[in-house]
Amino acid sequence: MDSNYSAIPKGSHVELQIQNEPQDFRSQKRFLLSDDGNWVNDPKVLHDLDDLNDDVDVDLGSDIDDYALVSSTPNKGSGISGAVFNLTTSIIGAGIMALPATMKVLGIVLGVVLIILMGILSEISVEMLVRFAVSCKAKSYGEVVQIAMGRTARVLSEICIIVNNAGVLVVYLIIMGDVMSGSVRHLGVFDQWLGHGFWDHRKLLILIVLVVFLAPLCVLDRIDSLSTTSAASVALAVIFVVICSVVALIKLIEGKIEAPRMSPDFGSKKSILDLLVVIPIMSNAYICHFNVQPIYNELEGRSPQKMNRVGRITTVLCVVVYASTAVSGFLLFGKDTEADVLTNFDKDLGIKFSTVLNYIVRVGYILHLVLVFPVIHFSLRQTVDTLVFEGSAPLTESRKRSLALTIILLVLIYFGSTMIPNIWTAFKFTGATTAVSLGFTFPALIALKISQQEEGLSLSRIEKFFSWLMLILAVIVSIAGIIGNIYTIQSKSE
């Protein structure tokens, strides 16, 4: 039988879309927002369609003039376990090291309650983000922000991602320097192994690690087997948590641990200031929202329900890991708990094999950070490229631009790590500004804005309540954190 149509390759499928349908959020595969909020044709999509028509030589008659032919391949991505590892890696990083210090300020009861509460709110915000991103066919955090609030809001959200991710990478380098080179009050791993040497110069040691180990990983255009790398990094983090918890439990049974404080201390001005800045640090612990959409895009058989399952499993895992680390770390070191609890592991833990356990904890977590660093850097580089070189060819097609961005970002991150004194300072800043915006402010505004614009996406009363709750909490956390940071800086200067 004669036909004017050529065969579609096996393993592909086509999707017919009505071009004259209303230009709503479900037509995002074909249209994008302009700076003034109007819908415009996406040149890249149109170019792809032209190439497709040339390849298959389809004769579109007048009967199907209202349809656009879009070809795509089946979604062969990661399973639920791989997505969970990827999302967990985005969450569990350096933030875990500051949590025992937050217990020193909040006390165990309020500290654990806030860890659980922040985890629940973060999961709700992720589910909202997934729901509206899928409905709008957005492929990134910035796209769904633009659809809801316009071009300016998208630029602001991308700046928040850049500042947040850069801050996280600065913290990674600070931890590596603290653990390997030591600090004023703590010995580094190299000092304990080899005695004093050039590694006592922290800035030099960080530079060597950056150039020799991290830079070769960061210059890669793609990170293959991401779920495998993420699984290894999560496993190293779990080893850290298990050792801390077991040691704390043994010492608790033996009666070698003093009774910890259960509630906050309101006895001094310094204690009150610490309370103002510790909640932003908590809010920083669950930020993964900028990686939610890329992980969803790679999820096999993806659907909002399946991604919600990934988010809930991840949240439960992170809450358990965070609560265990915070409580056990505070029990072990009490009032001597440092902002970076890893630095506390340079002393005798009071049990057998203490020295070996100390080395396993510190070296293992350094390896964890080395595995996570290029993943966070990859996201940072992509966002910077999208913001600065909008409309240019993909970064994977421009090796020179990719290398230039990588070098510039690593240099800036290195100088940041040499100027910021500790991770507590970095988390106070990002937690009160970019982290709370990415985790709560933007997702809540997206839900409220799009639900007003699309009848089929209206919010239930409970969803509206949580959206407004997240907005109010975000404002309070930001104001309290900024005020606390200002007073802390003034107190130190005096």
Protein backbone atom coordinates (compact mmCIF):
# COMPACT_ATOMS: atom_id res chain seq x y z
CA MET A 1 0.00 0.00 0.00
CA ASP A 2 1.43 3.36 -1.06
CA SER A 3 1.90 5.97 1.64
CA ASN A 4 3.30 9.48 1.80
CA TYR A 5 4.68 8.80 5.27
CA SER A 6 8.09 7.36 6.12
CA ALA A 7 8.70 4.93 8.94
CA ILE A 8 9.38 6.14 12.44
CA PRO A 9 12.52 4.51 13.92
CA LYS A 10 11.81 1.70 16.36
CA GLY A 11 12.09 2.79 19.98
CA SER A 12 10.80 6.31 19.28
CA HIS A 13 7.39 7.87 19.61
CA VAL A 14 5.73 10.97 18.27
CA GLU A 15 3.47 13.46 19.93
CA LEU A 16 0.90 15.57 18.05
CA GLN A 17 0.15 18.94 19.56
CA ILE A 18 -2.52 21.40 18.44
CA GLN A 19 -0.84 24.66 17.54
CA ASN A 20 -4.02 26.70 17.87
CA GLU A 21 -4.80 25.58 21.41
CA PRO A 22 -4.81 28.24 24.17
CA GLN A 23 -1.33 29.37 25.09
CA ASP A 24 -1.41 28.07 28.64
CA PHE A 25 1.22 26.40 30.77
CA ARG A 26 0.75 23.01 29.12
CA SER A 27 2.13 24.32 25.83
CA GLN A 28 5.62 24.93 27.16
CA LYS A 29 7.24 22.43 24.81
CA ARG A 30 6.56 24.89 22.05
CA PHE A 31 6.50 28.31 23.67
CA LEU A 32 8.52 30.28 26.22
CA LEU A 33 7.97 33.56 28.04
CA SER A 34 9.60 36.74 26.80
CA ASP A 35 10.95 39.46 29.07
CA ASP A 36 7.64 41.32 29.03
CA GLY A 37 5.66 38.22 29.93
CA ASN A 38 4.30 37.50 26.42
CA TRP A 39 4.49 34.09 24.78
CA VAL A 40 7.01 33.70 21.97
CA ASN A 41 8.06 30.80 19.79
CA ASP A 42 11.07 28.91 21.10
CA PRO A 43 13.69 29.04 18.28
CA LYS A 44 15.48 25.94 19.51
CA VAL A 45 12.28 23.86 19.44
CA LEU A 46 11.32 25.23 16.02
CA HIS A 47 14.81 24.44 14.71
CA ASP A 48 14.52 20.88 16.01
CA LEU A 49 11.14 20.53 14.32
CA ASP A 50 12.55 21.72 11.00
CA ASP A 51 15.38 19.19 11.27
CA LEU A 52 12.88 16.47 12.06
CA ASN A 53 10.72 17.29 9.05
CA ASP A 54 13.80 17.25 6.80
CA ASP A 55 14.87 13.84 8.15
CA VAL A 56 11.57 11.97 7.89
CA ASP A 57 10.21 13.85 4.84
CA VAL A 58 6.64 13.92 6.12
CA ASP A 59 4.08 15.41 3.72
CA LEU A 60 1.73 17.33 6.00
CA GLY A 61 -1.56 17.88 4.24
CA SER A 62 -4.13 20.52 4.94
CA ASP A 63 -6.03 18.11 7.21
CA ILE A 64 -3.29 18.15 9.82
CA ASP A 65 -1.95 21.65 9.45
CA ASP A 66 -2.91 22.40 13.04
CA TYR A 67 -0.48 19.84 14.49
CA ALA A 68 3.22 20.00 15.29
CA LEU A 69 5.21 16.79 15.14
CA VAL A 70 7.56 16.24 18.05
CA SER A 71 9.82 13.21 18.19
CA SER A 72 11.39 11.92 21.35
CA THR A 73 13.01 8.79 22.69
CA PRO A 74 11.68 6.71 25.58
CA ASN A 75 12.60 7.90 29.02
CA LYS A 76 15.41 5.65 30.21
CA GLY A 77 16.53 7.24 33.44
CA SER A 78 17.32 6.32 36.98
CA GLY A 79 15.05 4.28 39.21
CA ILE A 80 13.64 5.39 42.53
CA SER A 81 16.74 4.28 44.43
CA GLY A 82 19.06 6.23 42.12
CA ALA A 83 16.85 9.33 42.39
CA VAL A 84 16.82 9.01 46.18
CA PHE A 85 20.63 8.86 46.27
CA ASN A 86 20.92 11.87 43.97
CA LEU A 87 18.47 13.95 46.00
CA THR A 88 20.01 12.84 49.31
CA THR A 89 23.46 13.84 48.05
CA SER A 90 22.06 17.28 47.20
CA ILE A 91 20.88 17.62 50.81
CA ILE A 92 23.46 15.88 52.99
CA GLY A 93 26.73 17.71 52.64
CA ALA A 94 28.54 20.14 54.84
CA GLY A 95 25.34 21.17 56.65
CA ILE A 96 25.45 18.04 58.74
CA MET A 97 28.68 19.22 60.39
CA ALA A 98 27.01 22.35 61.85
CA LEU A 99 24.02 20.56 63.37
CA PRO A 100 25.68 19.42 66.63
CA ALA A 101 26.59 23.07 67.26
CA THR A 102 22.94 24.04 66.78
CA MET A 103 22.05 21.56 69.54
CA LYS A 104 24.45 23.41 71.81
CA VAL A 105 22.33 26.53 71.25
CA LEU A 106 18.81 25.07 71.04
CA GLY A 107 19.03 22.13 73.40
CA ILE A 108 18.16 18.58 72.37
CA VAL A 109 14.35 18.79 72.53
CA LEU A 110 13.86 21.97 70.50
CA GLY A 111 16.73 21.01 68.20
CA VAL A 112 15.19 17.65 67.24
CA VAL A 113 11.75 19.23 66.84
CA LEU A 114 13.15 21.84 64.42
CA ILE A 115 15.04 19.20 62.42
CA ILE A 116 11.77 17.28 61.93
CA LEU A 117 9.71 20.42 61.25
CA MET A 118 12.17 21.80 58.69
CA GLY A 119 12.27 18.40 56.97
CA ILE A 120 8.47 18.24 56.69
CA LEU A 121 8.16 21.80 55.37
CA SER A 122 10.96 21.21 52.90
CA GLU A 123 9.25 18.06 51.60
CA ILE A 124 5.96 19.94 51.17
CA SER A 125 7.72 22.68 49.23
CA VAL A 126 9.42 20.08 46.99
CA GLU A 127 6.07 18.43 46.20
CA MET A 128 4.56 21.82 45.34
CA LEU A 129 7.51 22.60 43.10
CA VAL A 130 7.22 19.26 41.28
CA ARG A 131 3.46 19.61 40.80
CA PHE A 132 3.59 23.03 39.19
CA ALA A 133 6.81 22.43 37.25
CA VAL A 134 5.27 19.33 35.63
CA SER A 135 2.02 21.15 34.90
CA CYS A 136 3.97 23.98 33.25
CA LYS A 137 6.37 21.59 31.49
CA ALA A 138 9.27 23.49 33.03
CA LYS A 139 12.65 21.77 32.89
CA SER A 140 14.47 23.76 35.55
CA TYR A 141 13.89 25.71 38.74
CA GLY A 142 14.38 28.99 36.90
CA GLU A 143 11.82 28.14 34.20
CA VAL A 144 8.96 27.48 36.62
CA VAL A 145 9.84 30.66 38.52
CA GLN A 146 9.68 32.62 35.25
CA ILE A 147 6.32 31.12 34.31
CA ALA A 148 4.87 32.08 37.69
CA MET A 149 6.45 35.48 38.27
CA GLY A 150 8.27 36.63 35.16
CA ARG A 151 11.80 37.09 33.88
CA THR A 152 13.08 39.25 36.75
CA ALA A 153 12.09 36.66 39.34
CA ARG A 154 13.87 33.96 37.33
CA VAL A 155 17.10 35.96 37.31
CA LEU A 156 16.77 36.50 41.07
CA SER A 157 16.22 32.77 41.67
CA GLU A 158 19.27 31.88 39.57
CA ILE A 159 21.38 34.38 41.52
CA CYS A 160 20.17 32.68 44.72
CA ILE A 161 21.22 29.29 43.34
CA ILE A 162 24.66 30.64 42.43
CA VAL A 163 25.24 32.24 45.84
CA ASN A 164 23.92 29.20 47.70
CA ASN A 165 25.96 26.65 45.72
CA ALA A 166 29.10 28.77 45.81
CA GLY A 167 28.66 29.15 49.57
CA VAL A 168 28.31 25.39 49.97
CA LEU A 169 31.50 24.75 47.99
CA VAL A 170 33.35 27.34 50.07
CA VAL A 171 32.22 25.47 53.18
CA TYR A 172 33.51 22.19 51.71
CA LEU A 173 36.98 23.68 51.28
CA ILE A 174 36.89 25.15 54.81
CA ILE A 175 36.08 21.73 56.26
CA MET A 176 38.84 20.08 54.25
CA GLY A 177 41.32 22.67 55.51
CA ASP A 178 40.16 22.35 59.13
CA VAL A 179 40.35 18.57 59.13
CA MET A 180 43.63 18.11 57.25
CA SER A 181 45.61 21.16 58.38
CA GLY A 182 44.02 21.75 61.77
CA SER A 183 43.13 24.99 63.51
CA VAL A 184 44.25 27.00 66.53
CA ARG A 185 42.64 24.60 69.00
CA HIS A 186 42.67 21.36 67.04
CA LEU A 187 45.24 19.14 65.36
CA GLY A 188 44.88 18.20 61.70
CA VAL A 189 45.09 14.68 60.33
CA PHE A 190 48.47 15.37 58.71
CA ASP A 191 49.88 16.79 61.95
CA GLN A 192 48.91 13.60 63.76
CA TRP A 193 50.32 11.41 61.02
CA LEU A 194 53.45 13.26 59.98
CA GLY A 195 54.09 16.01 62.52
CA HIS A 196 54.54 19.63 61.53
CA GLY A 197 55.27 20.52 57.90
CA PHE A 198 54.12 22.62 54.96
CA TRP A 199 50.61 21.19 55.46
CA ASP A 200 50.28 23.45 58.49
CA HIS A 201 49.72 26.27 55.98
CA ARG A 202 46.01 25.83 55.46
CA LYS A 203 45.66 28.05 52.38
CA LEU A 204 48.43 26.17 50.59
CA LEU A 205 46.95 22.79 51.49
CA ILE A 206 43.48 23.77 50.24
CA LEU A 207 45.01 25.02 46.99
CA ILE A 208 46.83 21.72 46.43
CA VAL A 209 43.67 19.69 47.06
CA LEU A 210 41.69 21.95 44.74
CA VAL A 211 44.19 21.72 41.87
CA VAL A 212 45.19 18.07 42.20
CA PHE A 213 41.92 16.36 43.17
CA LEU A 214 38.89 18.61 42.64
CA ALA A 215 39.72 20.51 39.45
CA PRO A 216 40.12 17.36 37.27
CA LEU A 217 36.64 16.25 38.35
CA CYS A 218 35.09 19.68 37.90
CA VAL A 219 36.29 20.18 34.30
CA LEU A 220 34.22 17.21 33.12
CA ASP A 221 31.36 18.23 30.83
CA ARG A 222 29.17 15.43 32.17
CA ILE A 223 29.15 13.42 35.36
CA ASP A 224 28.41 9.87 34.33
CA SER A 225 27.06 7.28 36.78
CA LEU A 226 25.85 10.05 39.04
CA SER A 227 23.68 7.75 41.09
CA THR A 228 26.65 5.47 41.79
CA THR A 229 28.79 8.38 42.93
CA SER A 230 25.92 9.67 45.03
CA ALA A 231 25.41 6.26 46.61
CA ALA A 232 29.08 6.14 47.60
CA SER A 233 28.94 9.63 49.11
CA VAL A 234 25.76 8.81 51.06
CA ALA A 235 27.36 5.59 52.32
CA LEU A 236 30.35 7.55 53.64
CA ALA A 237 28.01 9.99 55.38
CA VAL A 238 26.10 7.09 56.95
CA ILE A 239 29.37 5.58 58.22
CA PHE A 240 30.08 8.89 59.95
CA VAL A 241 26.62 8.93 61.55
CA VAL A 242 26.81 5.29 62.67
CA ILE A 243 30.22 5.75 64.33
CA CYS A 244 29.08 8.91 66.14
CA SER A 245 25.88 7.27 67.34
CA VAL A 246 27.56 4.03 68.50
CA VAL A 247 30.33 5.86 70.36
CA ALA A 248 27.80 8.18 72.04
CA LEU A 249 25.63 5.21 73.03
CA ILE A 250 28.59 3.30 74.51
CA LYS A 251 29.72 6.30 76.52
CA LEU A 252 26.15 6.97 77.65
CA ILE A 253 25.77 3.39 78.90
CA GLU A 254 29.13 3.63 80.70
CA GLY A 255 28.08 6.88 82.35
CA LYS A 256 30.88 8.92 80.76
CA ILE A 257 28.60 11.60 79.29
CA GLU A 258 27.34 14.58 81.25
CA ALA A 259 23.63 15.35 81.17
CA PRO A 260 23.08 17.53 78.08
CA ARG A 261 21.04 20.73 78.05
CA MET A 262 17.51 20.01 76.87
CA SER A 263 16.29 23.58 76.22
CA PRO A 264 17.76 26.88 74.95
CA ASP A 265 19.77 29.17 77.20
CA PHE A 266 18.28 32.65 77.62
CA GLY A 267 20.75 33.75 80.26
CA SER A 268 22.92 36.08 78.17
CA LYS A 269 22.83 38.42 75.20
CA LYS A 270 25.17 36.13 73.27
CA SER A 271 22.81 33.17 73.77
CA ILE A 272 19.87 35.15 72.42
CA LEU A 273 21.90 36.28 69.39
CA ASP A 274 22.88 32.66 68.73
CA LEU A 275 19.20 31.72 68.76
CA LEU A 276 18.47 34.32 66.08
CA VAL A 277 21.03 32.89 63.69
CA VAL A 278 20.71 29.17 64.38
CA ILE A 279 17.31 28.73 62.69
CA PRO A 280 18.61 29.99 59.32
CA ILE A 281 21.35 27.38 59.68
CA MET A 282 18.64 24.75 60.18
CA SER A 283 16.76 25.98 57.09
CA ASN A 284 19.97 25.61 55.07
CA ALA A 285 20.19 21.90 55.89
CA TYR A 286 17.45 20.69 53.51
CA ILE A 287 18.04 22.85 50.43
CA CYS A 288 17.97 20.66 47.31
CA HIS A 289 15.26 22.39 45.29
CA PHE A 290 17.51 23.51 42.44
CA ASN A 291 18.28 19.84 41.69
CA VAL A 292 14.70 18.55 41.97
CA GLN A 293 13.73 19.18 38.35
CA PRO A 294 16.92 17.69 36.79
CA ILE A 295 16.45 14.58 38.95
CA TYR A 296 12.78 14.39 37.93
CA ASN A 297 13.73 14.73 34.26
CA GLU A 298 16.00 11.67 34.55
CA LEU A 299 13.52 9.56 36.56
CA GLU A 300 12.44 6.42 34.73
CA GLY A 301 8.69 6.37 34.11
CA ARG A 302 8.50 9.77 35.72
CA SER A 303 5.34 11.15 37.27
CA PRO A 304 4.64 13.61 40.10
CA GLN A 305 3.49 10.73 42.30
CA LYS A 306 6.72 8.83 41.73
CA MET A 307 8.83 11.91 42.43
CA ASN A 308 6.83 12.59 45.60
CA ARG A 309 7.72 9.08 46.74
CA VAL A 310 11.38 9.84 46.08
CA GLY A 311 11.07 13.07 48.08
CA ARG A 312 9.40 11.41 51.04
CA ILE A 313 11.94 8.59 51.26
CA THR A 314 14.74 11.14 51.02
CA THR A 315 13.20 13.33 53.73
CA VAL A 316 12.83 10.41 56.16
CA LEU A 317 16.43 9.34 55.49
CA CYS A 318 17.77 12.87 55.96
CA VAL A 319 15.76 13.51 59.15
CA VAL A 320 17.13 10.30 60.69
CA VAL A 321 20.69 11.10 59.64
CA TYR A 322 20.49 14.72 60.80
CA ALA A 323 18.85 13.99 64.14
CA SER A 324 21.30 11.15 64.89
CA THR A 325 24.31 13.28 64.00
CA ALA A 326 23.14 16.35 65.91
CA VAL A 327 22.27 14.48 69.11
CA SER A 328 25.25 12.12 69.14
CA GLY A 329 27.73 14.90 68.28
CA PHE A 330 26.40 17.12 71.05
CA LEU A 331 26.41 14.23 73.53
CA LEU A 332 30.03 13.43 72.70
CA PHE A 333 31.47 16.93 72.99
CA GLY A 334 28.90 18.96 74.96
CA LYS A 335 29.78 22.61 75.44
CA ASP A 336 33.06 22.08 73.54
CA THR A 337 31.21 21.22 70.31
CA GLU A 338 32.73 23.21 67.45
CA ALA A 339 30.89 24.85 64.53
CA ASP A 340 32.51 22.12 62.41
CA VAL A 341 32.12 19.02 64.59
CA LEU A 342 34.71 17.12 62.51
CA THR A 343 37.44 19.17 64.14
CA ASN A 344 36.43 17.70 67.52
CA PHE A 345 37.57 14.27 66.39
CA ASP A 346 41.24 14.96 67.12
CA LYS A 347 41.03 13.82 70.73
CA ASP A 348 40.57 10.57 72.62
CA LEU A 349 36.93 9.50 72.53
CA GLY A 350 37.28 7.49 75.71
CA ILE A 351 36.67 4.06 74.17
CA LYS A 352 38.75 1.33 72.55
CA PHE A 353 40.14 1.97 69.06
CA SER A 354 39.50 5.67 69.52
CA THR A 355 42.38 6.74 67.27
CA VAL A 356 41.30 4.47 64.42
CA LEU A 357 37.70 5.64 64.67
CA ASN A 358 38.81 9.27 64.64
CA TYR A 359 40.73 8.75 61.41
CA ILE A 360 37.86 6.82 59.78
CA VAL A 361 35.38 9.58 60.64
CA ARG A 362 37.50 12.46 59.39
CA VAL A 363 39.09 10.90 56.31
CA GLY A 364 35.82 9.22 55.32
CA TYR A 365 33.93 12.49 55.39
CA ILE A 366 36.63 14.29 53.45
CA LEU A 367 36.22 11.64 50.74
CA HIS A 368 32.46 12.22 50.89
CA LEU A 369 32.98 15.94 50.25
CA VAL A 370 35.38 15.21 47.39
CA LEU A 371 32.67 13.10 45.71
CA VAL A 372 29.94 15.69 46.27
CA PHE A 373 32.00 18.78 45.33
CA PRO A 374 31.95 18.25 41.51
CA VAL A 375 28.20 17.53 41.60
CA ILE A 376 27.39 20.84 43.29
CA HIS A 377 29.95 22.63 41.08
CA PHE A 378 28.33 21.16 37.97
CA SER A 379 24.97 22.66 38.97
CA LEU A 380 26.66 25.97 39.82
CA ARG A 381 28.45 26.14 36.46
CA GLN A 382 25.27 25.34 34.53
CA THR A 383 23.32 28.08 36.32
CA VAL A 384 26.05 30.66 35.76
CA ASP A 385 26.19 29.73 32.08
CA THR A 386 22.41 30.00 31.74
CA LEU A 387 22.39 33.41 33.39
CA VAL A 388 25.44 34.95 31.72
CA PHE A 389 25.39 33.29 28.30
CA GLU A 390 21.67 32.98 27.70
CA GLY A 391 20.87 32.01 24.13
CA SER A 392 24.34 30.56 23.48
CA ALA A 393 25.02 27.00 22.46
CA PRO A 394 24.81 24.38 25.24
CA LEU A 395 27.82 24.28 27.52
CA THR A 396 28.64 20.74 26.40
CA GLU A 397 29.20 22.09 22.87
CA SER A 398 31.64 24.81 23.95
CA ARG A 399 34.68 23.28 25.61
CA LYS A 400 36.50 26.61 25.90
CA ARG A 401 33.58 28.32 27.65
CA SER A 402 33.18 25.36 29.97
CA LEU A 403 36.86 25.38 30.95
CA ALA A 404 36.88 29.17 31.41
CA LEU A 405 33.82 29.08 33.67
CA THR A 406 35.26 26.20 35.68
CA ILE A 407 38.58 27.98 36.27
CA ILE A 408 36.93 31.29 37.21
CA LEU A 409 34.48 29.65 39.61
CA LEU A 410 37.16 27.54 41.31
CA VAL A 411 39.38 30.59 41.79
CA LEU A 412 36.53 32.57 43.36
CA ILE A 413 35.55 29.64 45.59
CA TYR A 414 39.15 29.24 46.73
CA PHE A 415 39.46 32.90 47.72
CA GLY A 416 36.13 32.66 49.51
CA SER A 417 37.41 29.75 51.58
CA THR A 418 40.48 31.75 52.62
CA MET A 419 38.46 34.80 53.71
CA ILE A 420 35.55 33.18 55.59
CA PRO A 421 36.71 32.07 59.06
CA ASN A 422 34.42 29.06 59.63
CA ILE A 423 31.39 27.21 58.31
CA TRP A 424 29.12 28.77 60.95
CA THR A 425 29.68 32.21 59.39
CA ALA A 426 28.94 30.92 55.89
CA PHE A 427 25.78 29.08 56.91
CA LYS A 428 24.48 32.09 58.86
CA PHE A 429 24.67 34.21 55.71
CA THR A 430 23.30 31.74 53.13
CA GLY A 431 20.71 30.32 55.52
CA ALA A 432 19.13 33.73 56.17
CA THR A 433 19.12 34.77 52.50
CA THR A 434 19.46 32.41 49.54
CA ALA A 435 18.66 29.09 51.24
CA VAL A 436 15.35 30.20 52.73
CA SER A 437 14.41 31.83 49.41
CA LEU A 438 15.10 28.69 47.36
CA GLY A 439 13.55 26.30 49.88
CA PHE A 440 10.44 28.18 50.95
CA THR A 441 9.86 31.65 49.45
CA PHE A 442 9.96 30.79 45.73
CA PRO A 443 8.06 27.44 45.99
CA ALA A 444 5.28 29.09 48.02
CA LEU A 445 5.01 32.03 45.61
CA ILE A 446 5.00 29.65 42.62
CA ALA A 447 2.10 27.68 44.12
CA LEU A 448 0.06 30.79 44.99
CA LYS A 449 0.70 32.57 41.66
CA ILE A 450 0.10 29.67 39.26
CA SER A 451 -2.97 28.44 41.17
CA GLN A 452 -4.53 31.87 40.60
CA GLN A 453 -3.71 31.82 36.89
CA GLU A 454 -4.84 28.25 36.11
CA GLU A 455 -8.24 26.94 37.22
CA GLY A 456 -7.17 23.30 37.04
CA LEU A 457 -4.26 23.92 39.41
CA SER A 458 -6.13 25.53 42.30
CA LEU A 459 -4.84 24.87 45.81
CA SER A 460 -6.76 23.15 48.57
CA ARG A 461 -7.21 24.93 51.89
CA ILE A 462 -4.41 22.88 53.45
CA GLU A 463 -2.07 23.69 50.55
CA LYS A 464 -2.88 27.39 50.81
CA PHE A 465 -2.24 27.23 54.57
CA PHE A 466 1.18 25.65 54.11
CA SER A 467 2.05 28.06 51.31
CA TRP A 468 1.31 31.09 53.47
CA LEU A 469 2.99 29.41 56.47
CA MET A 470 6.19 28.93 54.46
CA LEU A 471 6.10 32.53 53.27
CA ILE A 472 5.62 33.89 56.80
CA LEU A 473 8.33 31.63 58.23
CA ALA A 474 10.69 32.61 55.41
CA VAL A 475 10.24 36.30 56.19
CA ILE A 476 10.71 35.74 59.94
CA VAL A 477 13.79 33.56 59.43
CA SER A 478 15.35 36.05 57.03
CA ILE A 479 14.74 39.08 59.26
CA ALA A 480 15.87 37.27 62.42
CA GLY A 481 18.94 35.85 60.73
CA ILE A 482 20.02 39.15 59.19
CA ILE A 483 19.50 41.04 62.49
CA GLY A 484 21.40 38.36 64.37
CA ASN A 485 24.28 38.47 61.89
CA ILE A 486 24.50 42.27 62.14
CA TYR A 487 24.56 42.24 65.93
CA THR A 488 27.13 39.44 65.96
CA ILE A 489 29.43 41.41 63.64
CA GLN A 490 28.99 44.55 65.77
CA SER A 491 29.71 42.65 68.98
CA LYS A 492 32.93 41.24 67.57
CA SER A 493 34.04 44.64 66.33
CA GLU A 494 33.48 46.13 69.79
